[in-house]
Amino acid sequence: DMGWYRQAPGKQRDFVASITSDGSTHYADSAKGRFTVSRDN
């Protein structure tokens, strides 16, 4: 699995998006419809 997290000033580090080795993706609600995670194996 590979993924992205983000941390704003004074905030915890939160999950954004992830992708498995075969391309299955998962998104935080805040990212759905706007962000796209992909990979080049």
PDB file of all heavy atoms in Angstrom:
ATOM      1  N   ASP A   1       0.826  -1.203   0.000  1.00  0.00           N
ATOM      2  CA  ASP A   1       0.000   0.000   0.000  1.00  0.00           C
ATOM      3  C   ASP A   1       0.862   1.256   0.000  1.00  0.00           C
ATOM      4  O   ASP A   1       1.892   1.325   0.670  1.00  0.00           O
ATOM      5  CB  ASP A   1      -0.915   0.024   1.215  1.00  0.00           C
ATOM      6  CG  ASP A   1      -1.978  -1.054   1.167  1.00  0.00           C
ATOM      7  OD1 ASP A   1      -2.073  -1.774   0.158  1.00  0.00           O
ATOM      8  OD2 ASP A   1      -2.734  -1.176   2.158  1.00  0.00           O
ATOM      9  N   MET A   2       0.426   2.258  -0.745  1.00  0.00           N
ATOM     10  CA  MET A   2       1.043   3.573  -0.735  1.00  0.00           C
ATOM     11  C   MET A   2      -0.068   4.591  -0.514  1.00  0.00           C
ATOM     12  O   MET A   2      -1.192   4.400  -0.984  1.00  0.00           O
ATOM     13  CB  MET A   2       1.779   3.867  -2.038  1.00  0.00           C
ATOM     14  CG  MET A   2       2.842   2.846  -2.392  1.00  0.00           C
ATOM     15  SD  MET A   2       3.791   3.270  -3.880  1.00  0.00           S
ATOM     16  CE  MET A   2       4.907   4.519  -3.213  1.00  0.00           C
ATOM     17  N   GLY A   3       0.244   5.663   0.189  1.00  0.00           N
ATOM     18  CA  GLY A   3      -0.797   6.620   0.476  1.00  0.00           C
ATOM     19  C   GLY A   3      -0.285   7.998   0.816  1.00  0.00           C
ATOM     20  O   GLY A   3       0.926   8.237   0.876  1.00  0.00           O
ATOM     21  N   TRP A   4      -1.246   8.895   1.037  1.00  0.00           N
ATOM     22  CA  TRP A   4      -0.972  10.280   1.356  1.00  0.00           C
ATOM     23  C   TRP A   4      -1.697  10.684   2.629  1.00  0.00           C
ATOM     24  O   TRP A   4      -2.862  10.315   2.836  1.00  0.00           O
ATOM     25  CB  TRP A   4      -1.404  11.208   0.214  1.00  0.00           C
ATOM     26  CG  TRP A   4      -0.612  11.026  -1.043  1.00  0.00           C
ATOM     27  CD1 TRP A   4      -0.907  10.223  -2.103  1.00  0.00           C
ATOM     28  CD2 TRP A   4       0.618  11.675  -1.368  1.00  0.00           C
ATOM     29  NE1 TRP A   4       0.060  10.328  -3.068  1.00  0.00           N
ATOM     30  CE2 TRP A   4       1.008  11.216  -2.646  1.00  0.00           C
ATOM     31  CE3 TRP A   4       1.420  12.603  -0.710  1.00  0.00           C
ATOM     32  CZ2 TRP A   4       2.177  11.656  -3.275  1.00  0.00           C
ATOM     33  CZ3 TRP A   4       2.581  13.030  -1.330  1.00  0.00           C
ATOM     34  CH2 TRP A   4       2.938  12.560  -2.596  1.00  0.00           C
ATOM     35  N   TYR A   5      -1.004  11.435   3.460  1.00  0.00           N
ATOM     36  CA  TYR A   5      -1.559  12.037   4.661  1.00  0.00           C
ATOM     37  C   TYR A   5      -1.252  13.530   4.630  1.00  0.00           C
ATOM     38  O   TYR A   5      -0.376  13.982   3.891  1.00  0.00           O
ATOM     39  CB  TYR A   5      -0.950  11.406   5.914  1.00  0.00           C
ATOM     40  CG  TYR A   5      -1.339   9.959   6.133  1.00  0.00           C
ATOM     41  CD1 TYR A   5      -0.835   8.950   5.317  1.00  0.00           C
ATOM     42  CD2 TYR A   5      -2.194   9.605   7.168  1.00  0.00           C
ATOM     43  CE1 TYR A   5      -1.190   7.625   5.513  1.00  0.00           C
ATOM     44  CE2 TYR A   5      -2.549   8.281   7.376  1.00  0.00           C
ATOM     45  CZ  TYR A   5      -2.040   7.300   6.544  1.00  0.00           C
ATOM     46  OH  TYR A   5      -2.390   5.989   6.756  1.00  0.00           O
ATOM     47  N   ARG A   6      -1.974  14.294   5.444  1.00  0.00           N
ATOM     48  CA  ARG A   6      -1.686  15.720   5.515  1.00  0.00           C
ATOM     49  C   ARG A   6      -1.826  16.206   6.947  1.00  0.00           C
ATOM     50  O   ARG A   6      -2.571  15.641   7.745  1.00  0.00           O
ATOM     51  CB  ARG A   6      -2.591  16.524   4.576  1.00  0.00           C
ATOM     52  CG  ARG A   6      -4.065  16.535   4.957  1.00  0.00           C
ATOM     53  CD  ARG A   6      -4.876  17.223   3.868  1.00  0.00           C
ATOM     54  NE  ARG A   6      -6.292  17.317   4.190  1.00  0.00           N
ATOM     55  CZ  ARG A   6      -7.218  17.756   3.355  1.00  0.00           C
ATOM     56  NH1 ARG A   6      -6.882  18.150   2.132  1.00  0.00           N
ATOM     57  NH2 ARG A   6      -8.489  17.809   3.741  1.00  0.00           N
ATOM     58  N   GLN A   7      -1.102  17.269   7.242  1.00  0.00           N
ATOM     59  CA  GLN A   7      -1.111  17.840   8.577  1.00  0.00           C
ATOM     60  C   GLN A   7      -1.085  19.358   8.480  1.00  0.00           C
ATOM     61  O   GLN A   7      -0.122  19.939   7.986  1.00  0.00           O
ATOM     62  CB  GLN A   7       0.083  17.341   9.393  1.00  0.00           C
ATOM     63  CG  GLN A   7       0.064  17.764  10.845  1.00  0.00           C
ATOM     64  CD  GLN A   7       1.121  17.045  11.661  1.00  0.00           C
ATOM     65  OE1 GLN A   7       2.072  16.495  11.113  1.00  0.00           O
ATOM     66  NE2 GLN A   7       0.953  17.038  12.964  1.00  0.00           N
ATOM     67  N   ALA A   8      -2.156  19.990   8.947  1.00  0.00           N
ATOM     68  CA  ALA A   8      -2.241  21.438   9.000  1.00  0.00           C
ATOM     69  C   ALA A   8      -1.640  21.933  10.313  1.00  0.00           C
ATOM     70  O   ALA A   8      -1.537  21.176  11.284  1.00  0.00           O
ATOM     71  CB  ALA A   8      -3.694  21.890   8.876  1.00  0.00           C
ATOM     72  N   PRO A   9      -1.242  23.205  10.386  1.00  0.00           N
ATOM     73  CA  PRO A   9      -0.662  23.729  11.622  1.00  0.00           C
ATOM     74  C   PRO A   9      -1.579  23.518  12.818  1.00  0.00           C
ATOM     75  O   PRO A   9      -2.772  23.828  12.766  1.00  0.00           O
ATOM     76  CB  PRO A   9      -0.482  25.220  11.319  1.00  0.00           C
ATOM     77  CG  PRO A   9      -0.316  25.277   9.836  1.00  0.00           C
ATOM     78  CD  PRO A   9      -1.238  24.214   9.308  1.00  0.00           C
ATOM     79  N   GLY A  10      -1.042  22.972  13.895  1.00  0.00           N
ATOM     80  CA  GLY A  10      -1.802  22.734  15.104  1.00  0.00           C
ATOM     81  C   GLY A  10      -2.757  21.563  15.037  1.00  0.00           C
ATOM     82  O   GLY A  10      -3.532  21.361  15.984  1.00  0.00           O
ATOM     83  N   LYS A  11      -2.724  20.792  13.960  1.00  0.00           N
ATOM     84  CA  LYS A  11      -3.641  19.673  13.784  1.00  0.00           C
ATOM     85  C   LYS A  11      -2.880  18.350  13.731  1.00  0.00           C
ATOM     86  O   LYS A  11      -1.670  18.311  13.564  1.00  0.00           O
ATOM     87  CB  LYS A  11      -4.457  19.836  12.495  1.00  0.00           C
ATOM     88  CG  LYS A  11      -5.265  21.112  12.417  1.00  0.00           C
ATOM     89  CD  LYS A  11      -6.404  21.111  13.403  1.00  0.00           C
ATOM     90  CE  LYS A  11      -7.279  22.340  13.211  1.00  0.00           C
ATOM     91  NZ  LYS A  11      -8.439  22.341  14.141  1.00  0.00           N
ATOM     92  N   GLN A  12      -3.624  17.251  13.890  1.00  0.00           N
ATOM     93  CA  GLN A  12      -3.053  15.923  13.747  1.00  0.00           C
ATOM     94  C   GLN A  12      -2.847  15.592  12.270  1.00  0.00           C
ATOM     95  O   GLN A  12      -3.428  16.222  11.390  1.00  0.00           O
ATOM     96  CB  GLN A  12      -3.971  14.870  14.374  1.00  0.00           C
ATOM     97  CG  GLN A  12      -4.160  14.998  15.866  1.00  0.00           C
ATOM     98  CD  GLN A  12      -4.961  13.847  16.428  1.00  0.00           C
ATOM     99  OE1 GLN A  12      -4.392  12.933  17.030  1.00  0.00           O
ATOM    100  NE2 GLN A  12      -6.257  13.873  16.219  1.00  0.00           N
ATOM    101  N   ARG A  13      -2.026  14.596  12.028  1.00  0.00           N
ATOM    102  CA  ARG A  13      -1.821  14.112  10.678  1.00  0.00           C
ATOM    103  C   ARG A  13      -2.991  13.207  10.286  1.00  0.00           C
ATOM    104  O   ARG A  13      -3.283  12.225  10.972  1.00  0.00           O
ATOM    105  CB  ARG A  13      -0.502  13.344  10.581  1.00  0.00           C
ATOM    106  CG  ARG A  13      -0.108  12.964   9.164  1.00  0.00           C
ATOM    107  CD  ARG A  13       1.287  12.351   9.123  1.00  0.00           C
ATOM    108  NE  ARG A  13       2.307  13.280   9.576  1.00  0.00           N
ATOM    109  CZ  ARG A  13       3.610  13.026   9.538  1.00  0.00           C
ATOM    110  NH1 ARG A  13       4.048  11.870   9.060  1.00  0.00           N
ATOM    111  NH2 ARG A  13       4.471  13.929   9.985  1.00  0.00           N
ATOM    112  N   ASP A  14      -3.670  13.542   9.193  1.00  0.00           N
ATOM    113  CA  ASP A  14      -4.873  12.842   8.773  1.00  0.00           C
ATOM    114  C   ASP A  14      -4.670  12.123   7.447  1.00  0.00           C
ATOM    115  O   ASP A  14      -3.940  12.583   6.573  1.00  0.00           O
ATOM    116  CB  ASP A  14      -6.051  13.810   8.630  1.00  0.00           C
ATOM    117  CG  ASP A  14      -6.495  14.405   9.943  1.00  0.00           C
ATOM    118  OD1 ASP A  14      -6.417  13.702  10.975  1.00  0.00           O
ATOM    119  OD2 ASP A  14      -6.935  15.568   9.950  1.00  0.00           O
ATOM    120  N   PHE A  15      -5.375  11.021   7.300  1.00  0.00           N
ATOM    121  CA  PHE A  15      -5.366  10.244   6.061  1.00  0.00           C
ATOM    122  C   PHE A  15      -6.047  11.015   4.940  1.00  0.00           C
ATOM    123  O   PHE A  15      -7.070  11.667   5.151  1.00  0.00           O
ATOM    124  CB  PHE A  15      -6.077   8.912   6.294  1.00  0.00           C
ATOM    125  CG  PHE A  15      -6.350   8.141   5.042  1.00  0.00           C
ATOM    126  CD1 PHE A  15      -5.352   7.403   4.429  1.00  0.00           C
ATOM    127  CD2 PHE A  15      -7.612   8.148   4.476  1.00  0.00           C
ATOM    128  CE1 PHE A  15      -5.598   6.683   3.280  1.00  0.00           C
ATOM    129  CE2 PHE A  15      -7.871   7.429   3.323  1.00  0.00           C
ATOM    130  CZ  PHE A  15      -6.859   6.698   2.726  1.00  0.00           C
ATOM    131  N   VAL A  16      -5.495  10.928   3.725  1.00  0.00           N
ATOM    132  CA  VAL A  16      -6.073  11.574   2.551  1.00  0.00           C
ATOM    133  C   VAL A  16      -6.498  10.533   1.511  1.00  0.00           C
ATOM    134  O   VAL A  16      -7.652  10.502   1.087  1.00  0.00           O
ATOM    135  CB  VAL A  16      -5.102  12.574   1.908  1.00  0.00           C
ATOM    136  CG1 VAL A  16      -5.715  13.181   0.645  1.00  0.00           C
ATOM    137  CG2 VAL A  16      -4.730  13.672   2.900  1.00  0.00           C
ATOM    138  N   ALA A  17      -5.565   9.687   1.077  1.00  0.00           N
ATOM    139  CA  ALA A  17      -5.854   8.711   0.030  1.00  0.00           C
ATOM    140  C   ALA A  17      -4.810   7.610   0.050  1.00  0.00           C
ATOM    141  O   ALA A  17      -3.679   7.817   0.505  1.00  0.00           O
ATOM    142  CB  ALA A  17      -5.880   9.380  -1.349  1.00  0.00           C
ATOM    143  N   SER A  18      -5.177   6.436  -0.456  1.00  0.00           N
ATOM    144  CA  SER A  18      -4.237   5.326  -0.536  1.00  0.00           C
ATOM    145  C   SER A  18      -4.538   4.481  -1.759  1.00  0.00           C
ATOM    146  O   SER A  18      -5.632   4.548  -2.332  1.00  0.00           O
ATOM    147  CB  SER A  18      -4.280   4.457   0.727  1.00  0.00           C
ATOM    148  OG  SER A  18      -5.535   3.823   0.862  1.00  0.00           O
ATOM    149  N   ILE A  19      -3.565   3.660  -2.134  1.00  0.00           N
ATOM    150  CA  ILE A  19      -3.716   2.777  -3.284  1.00  0.00           C
ATOM    151  C   ILE A  19      -2.912   1.515  -3.043  1.00  0.00           C
ATOM    152  O   ILE A  19      -1.779   1.556  -2.573  1.00  0.00           O
ATOM    153  CB  ILE A  19      -3.288   3.495  -4.587  1.00  0.00           C
ATOM    154  CG1 ILE A  19      -3.541   2.602  -5.804  1.00  0.00           C
ATOM    155  CG2 ILE A  19      -1.835   3.955  -4.512  1.00  0.00           C
ATOM    156  CD1 ILE A  19      -3.419   3.356  -7.121  1.00  0.00           C
ATOM    157  N   THR A  20      -3.497   0.359  -3.365  1.00  0.00           N
ATOM    158  CA  THR A  20      -2.821  -0.913  -3.195  1.00  0.00           C
ATOM    159  C   THR A  20      -1.929  -1.206  -4.386  1.00  0.00           C
ATOM    160  O   THR A  20      -1.923  -0.480  -5.385  1.00  0.00           O
ATOM    161  CB  THR A  20      -3.825  -2.054  -3.011  1.00  0.00           C
ATOM    162  OG1 THR A  20      -4.580  -2.221  -4.222  1.00  0.00           O
ATOM    163  CG2 THR A  20      -4.784  -1.764  -1.868  1.00  0.00           C
ATOM    164  N   SER A  21      -1.183  -2.302  -4.304  1.00  0.00           N
ATOM    165  CA  SER A  21      -0.264  -2.660  -5.376  1.00  0.00           C
ATOM    166  C   SER A  21      -0.985  -2.994  -6.675  1.00  0.00           C
ATOM    167  O   SER A  21      -0.394  -2.852  -7.753  1.00  0.00           O
ATOM    168  CB  SER A  21       0.616  -3.839  -4.958  1.00  0.00           C
ATOM    169  OG  SER A  21      -0.163  -4.970  -4.632  1.00  0.00           O
ATOM    170  N   ASP A  22      -2.248  -3.424  -6.602  1.00  0.00           N
ATOM    171  CA  ASP A  22      -2.998  -3.742  -7.812  1.00  0.00           C
ATOM    172  C   ASP A  22      -3.971  -2.638  -8.215  1.00  0.00           C
ATOM    173  O   ASP A  22      -4.793  -2.829  -9.113  1.00  0.00           O
ATOM    174  CB  ASP A  22      -3.743  -5.069  -7.666  1.00  0.00           C
ATOM    175  CG  ASP A  22      -4.782  -5.052  -6.563  1.00  0.00           C
ATOM    176  OD1 ASP A  22      -4.902  -4.043  -5.866  1.00  0.00           O
ATOM    177  OD2 ASP A  22      -5.480  -6.081  -6.413  1.00  0.00           O
ATOM    178  N   GLY A  23      -3.902  -1.481  -7.556  1.00  0.00           N
ATOM    179  CA  GLY A  23      -4.643  -0.325  -8.010  1.00  0.00           C
ATOM    180  C   GLY A  23      -5.934   0.003  -7.298  1.00  0.00           C
ATOM    181  O   GLY A  23      -6.627   0.953  -7.702  1.00  0.00           O
ATOM    182  N   SER A  24      -6.302  -0.721  -6.257  1.00  0.00           N
ATOM    183  CA  SER A  24      -7.501  -0.385  -5.492  1.00  0.00           C
ATOM    184  C   SER A  24      -7.256   0.875  -4.675  1.00  0.00           C
ATOM    185  O   SER A  24      -6.222   1.006  -4.020  1.00  0.00           O
ATOM    186  CB  SER A  24      -7.896  -1.532  -4.576  1.00  0.00           C
ATOM    187  OG  SER A  24      -8.239  -2.683  -5.322  1.00  0.00           O
ATOM    188  N   THR A  25      -8.211   1.800  -4.694  1.00  0.00           N
ATOM    189  CA  THR A  25      -8.028   3.098  -4.043  1.00  0.00           C
ATOM    190  C   THR A  25      -9.015   3.312  -2.912  1.00  0.00           C
ATOM    191  O   THR A  25     -10.096   2.710  -2.865  1.00  0.00           O
ATOM    192  CB  THR A  25      -8.170   4.245  -5.058  1.00  0.00           C
ATOM    193  OG1 THR A  25      -9.462   4.177  -5.681  1.00  0.00           O
ATOM    194  CG2 THR A  25      -7.100   4.139  -6.135  1.00  0.00           C
ATOM    195  N   HIS A  26      -8.630   4.204  -2.004  1.00  0.00           N
ATOM    196  CA  HIS A  26      -9.472   4.595  -0.881  1.00  0.00           C
ATOM    197  C   HIS A  26      -9.217   6.066  -0.604  1.00  0.00           C
ATOM    198  O   HIS A  26      -8.076   6.521  -0.652  1.00  0.00           O
ATOM    199  CB  HIS A  26      -9.154   3.748   0.354  1.00  0.00           C
ATOM    200  CG  HIS A  26      -9.996   4.074   1.537  1.00  0.00           C
ATOM    201  ND1 HIS A  26     -11.319   3.728   1.613  1.00  0.00           N
ATOM    202  CD2 HIS A  26      -9.702   4.723   2.694  1.00  0.00           C
ATOM    203  CE1 HIS A  26     -11.813   4.147   2.757  1.00  0.00           C
ATOM    204  NE2 HIS A  26     -10.839   4.753   3.434  1.00  0.00           N
ATOM    205  N   TYR A  27     -10.295   6.809  -0.312  1.00  0.00           N
ATOM    206  CA  TYR A  27     -10.188   8.239  -0.107  1.00  0.00           C
ATOM    207  C   TYR A  27     -10.878   8.675   1.168  1.00  0.00           C
ATOM    208  O   TYR A  27     -11.913   8.121   1.551  1.00  0.00           O
ATOM    209  CB  TYR A  27     -10.817   9.013  -1.269  1.00  0.00           C
ATOM    210  CG  TYR A  27     -10.155   8.799  -2.596  1.00  0.00           C
ATOM    211  CD1 TYR A  27     -10.609   7.822  -3.468  1.00  0.00           C
ATOM    212  CD2 TYR A  27      -9.077   9.586  -2.990  1.00  0.00           C
ATOM    213  CE1 TYR A  27     -10.003   7.624  -4.703  1.00  0.00           C
ATOM    214  CE2 TYR A  27      -8.464   9.399  -4.216  1.00  0.00           C
ATOM    215  CZ  TYR A  27      -8.938   8.416  -5.066  1.00  0.00           C
ATOM    216  OH  TYR A  27      -8.331   8.233  -6.290  1.00  0.00           O
ATOM    217  N   ALA A  28     -10.318   9.685   1.804  1.00  0.00           N
ATOM    218  CA  ALA A  28     -11.030  10.374   2.864  1.00  0.00           C
ATOM    219  C   ALA A  28     -12.217  11.121   2.263  1.00  0.00           C
ATOM    220  O   ALA A  28     -12.202  11.494   1.085  1.00  0.00           O
ATOM    221  CB  ALA A  28     -10.104  11.351   3.582  1.00  0.00           C
ATOM    222  N   ASP A  29     -13.250  11.346   3.063  1.00  0.00           N
ATOM    223  CA  ASP A  29     -14.426  12.045   2.561  1.00  0.00           C
ATOM    224  C   ASP A  29     -14.074  13.419   1.991  1.00  0.00           C
ATOM    225  O   ASP A  29     -14.657  13.858   0.995  1.00  0.00           O
ATOM    226  CB  ASP A  29     -15.464  12.200   3.670  1.00  0.00           C
ATOM    227  CG  ASP A  29     -16.149  10.896   4.021  1.00  0.00           C
ATOM    228  OD1 ASP A  29     -16.086   9.949   3.204  1.00  0.00           O
ATOM    229  OD2 ASP A  29     -16.753  10.818   5.101  1.00  0.00           O
ATOM    230  N   SER A  30     -13.122  14.094   2.597  1.00  0.00           N
ATOM    231  CA  SER A  30     -12.734  15.418   2.149  1.00  0.00           C
ATOM    232  C   SER A  30     -12.061  15.418   0.778  1.00  0.00           C
ATOM    233  O   SER A  30     -12.000  16.457   0.119  1.00  0.00           O
ATOM    234  CB  SER A  30     -11.790  16.070   3.171  1.00  0.00           C
ATOM    235  OG  SER A  30     -10.619  15.299   3.341  1.00  0.00           O
ATOM    236  N   ALA A  31     -11.563  14.248   0.351  1.00  0.00           N
ATOM    237  CA  ALA A  31     -10.844  14.145  -0.912  1.00  0.00           C
ATOM    238  C   ALA A  31     -11.685  13.583  -2.045  1.00  0.00           C
ATOM    239  O   ALA A  31     -11.345  13.780  -3.223  1.00  0.00           O
ATOM    240  CB  ALA A  31      -9.603  13.271  -0.734  1.00  0.00           C
ATOM    241  N   LYS A  32     -12.763  12.905  -1.733  1.00  0.00           N
ATOM    242  CA  LYS A  32     -13.582  12.250  -2.748  1.00  0.00           C
ATOM    243  C   LYS A  32     -14.122  13.254  -3.762  1.00  0.00           C
ATOM    244  O   LYS A  32     -14.624  14.311  -3.403  1.00  0.00           O
ATOM    245  CB  LYS A  32     -14.744  11.505  -2.094  1.00  0.00           C
ATOM    246  CG  LYS A  32     -14.327  10.289  -1.295  1.00  0.00           C
ATOM    247  CD  LYS A  32     -15.537   9.613  -0.656  1.00  0.00           C
ATOM    248  CE  LYS A  32     -15.121   8.408   0.157  1.00  0.00           C
ATOM    249  NZ  LYS A  32     -16.279   7.777   0.830  1.00  0.00           N
ATOM    250  N   GLY A  33     -13.991  12.905  -5.039  1.00  0.00           N
ATOM    251  CA  GLY A  33     -14.497  13.750  -6.106  1.00  0.00           C
ATOM    252  C   GLY A  33     -13.552  14.838  -6.541  1.00  0.00           C
ATOM    253  O   GLY A  33     -13.775  15.461  -7.588  1.00  0.00           O
ATOM    254  N   ARG A  34     -12.497  15.101  -5.779  1.00  0.00           N
ATOM    255  CA  ARG A  34     -11.545  16.153  -6.120  1.00  0.00           C
ATOM    256  C   ARG A  34     -10.126  15.633  -6.303  1.00  0.00           C
ATOM    257  O   ARG A  34      -9.389  16.145  -7.141  1.00  0.00           O
ATOM    258  CB  ARG A  34     -11.533  17.237  -5.040  1.00  0.00           C
ATOM    259  CG  ARG A  34     -12.871  17.931  -4.832  1.00  0.00           C
ATOM    260  CD  ARG A  34     -12.730  19.120  -3.881  1.00  0.00           C
ATOM    261  NE  ARG A  34     -12.246  18.709  -2.568  1.00  0.00           N
ATOM    262  CZ  ARG A  34     -11.183  19.223  -1.967  1.00  0.00           C
ATOM    263  NH1 ARG A  34     -10.482  20.188  -2.559  1.00  0.00           N
ATOM    264  NH2 ARG A  34     -10.825  18.798  -0.765  1.00  0.00           N
ATOM    265  N   PHE A  35      -9.746  14.639  -5.512  1.00  0.00           N
ATOM    266  CA  PHE A  35      -8.386  14.100  -5.555  1.00  0.00           C
ATOM    267  C   PHE A  35      -8.387  12.724  -6.205  1.00  0.00           C
ATOM    268  O   PHE A  35      -9.353  11.959  -6.070  1.00  0.00           O
ATOM    269  CB  PHE A  35      -7.801  13.968  -4.149  1.00  0.00           C
ATOM    270  CG  PHE A  35      -7.586  15.266  -3.423  1.00  0.00           C
ATOM    271  CD1 PHE A  35      -7.930  16.483  -3.980  1.00  0.00           C
ATOM    272  CD2 PHE A  35      -7.021  15.250  -2.155  1.00  0.00           C
ATOM    273  CE1 PHE A  35      -7.728  17.677  -3.301  1.00  0.00           C
ATOM    274  CE2 PHE A  35      -6.806  16.430  -1.463  1.00  0.00           C
ATOM    275  CZ  PHE A  35      -7.155  17.643  -2.032  1.00  0.00           C
ATOM    276  N   THR A  36      -7.295  12.398  -6.887  1.00  0.00           N
ATOM    277  CA  THR A  36      -7.123  11.091  -7.497  1.00  0.00           C
ATOM    278  C   THR A  36      -5.733  10.564  -7.168  1.00  0.00           C
ATOM    279  O   THR A  36      -4.735  11.224  -7.452  1.00  0.00           O
ATOM    280  CB  THR A  36      -7.301  11.146  -9.019  1.00  0.00           C
ATOM    281  OG1 THR A  36      -8.596  11.651  -9.347  1.00  0.00           O
ATOM    282  CG2 THR A  36      -7.150   9.743  -9.617  1.00  0.00           C
ATOM    283  N   VAL A  37      -5.674   9.379  -6.569  1.00  0.00           N
ATOM    284  CA  VAL A  37      -4.397   8.747  -6.266  1.00  0.00           C
ATOM    285  C   VAL A  37      -4.119   7.674  -7.314  1.00  0.00           C
ATOM    286  O   VAL A  37      -5.034   6.949  -7.732  1.00  0.00           O
ATOM    287  CB  VAL A  37      -4.383   8.156  -4.840  1.00  0.00           C
ATOM    288  CG1 VAL A  37      -5.411   7.039  -4.684  1.00  0.00           C
ATOM    289  CG2 VAL A  37      -2.990   7.669  -4.470  1.00  0.00           C
ATOM    290  N   SER A  38      -2.890   7.590  -7.764  1.00  0.00           N
ATOM    291  CA  SER A  38      -2.492   6.602  -8.756  1.00  0.00           C
ATOM    292  C   SER A  38      -1.057   6.181  -8.489  1.00  0.00           C
ATOM    293  O   SER A  38      -0.377   6.764  -7.640  1.00  0.00           O
ATOM    294  CB  SER A  38      -2.644   7.154 -10.177  1.00  0.00           C
ATOM    295  OG  SER A  38      -1.823   8.294 -10.368  1.00  0.00           O
ATOM    296  N   ARG A  39      -0.594   5.162  -9.208  1.00  0.00           N
ATOM    297  CA  ARG A  39       0.780   4.701  -9.008  1.00  0.00           C
ATOM    298  C   ARG A  39       1.342   4.117 -10.283  1.00  0.00           C
ATOM    299  O   ARG A  39       0.609   3.663 -11.168  1.00  0.00           O
ATOM    300  CB  ARG A  39       0.858   3.670  -7.873  1.00  0.00           C
ATOM    301  CG  ARG A  39       0.137   2.364  -8.150  1.00  0.00           C
ATOM    302  CD  ARG A  39       0.059   1.508  -6.887  1.00  0.00           C
ATOM    303  NE  ARG A  39       1.361   0.979  -6.499  1.00  0.00           N
ATOM    304  CZ  ARG A  39       1.621   0.454  -5.294  1.00  0.00           C
ATOM    305  NH1 ARG A  39       0.660   0.421  -4.366  1.00  0.00           N
ATOM    306  NH2 ARG A  39       2.827  -0.023  -5.027  1.00  0.00           N
ATOM    307  N   ASP A  40       2.655   4.130 -10.364  1.00  0.00           N
ATOM    308  CA  ASP A  40       3.395   3.516 -11.450  1.00  0.00           C
ATOM    309  C   ASP A  40       4.306   2.487 -10.796  1.00  0.00           C
ATOM    310  O   ASP A  40       5.331   2.836 -10.209  1.00  0.00           O
ATOM    311  CB  ASP A  40       4.198   4.563 -12.216  1.00  0.00           C
ATOM    312  CG  ASP A  40       4.906   3.993 -13.432  1.00  0.00           C
ATOM    313  OD1 ASP A  40       5.189   2.786 -13.465  1.00  0.00           O
ATOM    314  OD2 ASP A  40       5.187   4.775 -14.371  1.00  0.00           O
ATOM    315  N   ASN A  41       3.929   1.221 -10.875  1.00  0.00           N
ATOM    316  CA  ASN A  41       4.682   0.175 -10.188  1.00  0.00           C
ATOM    317  C   ASN A  41       6.098   0.010 -10.745  1.00  0.00           C
ATOM    318  O   ASN A  41       7.018  -0.339 -10.003  1.00  0.00           O
ATOM    319  CB  ASN A  41       3.932  -1.153 -10.266  1.00  0.00           C
ATOM    320  CG  ASN A  41       2.689  -1.162  -9.407  1.00  0.00           C
ATOM    321  OD1 ASN A  41       2.599  -0.454  -8.407  1.00  0.00           O
ATOM    322  ND2 ASN A  41       1.710  -1.988  -9.787  1.00  0.00           N
TER     323      ASN A  41
END
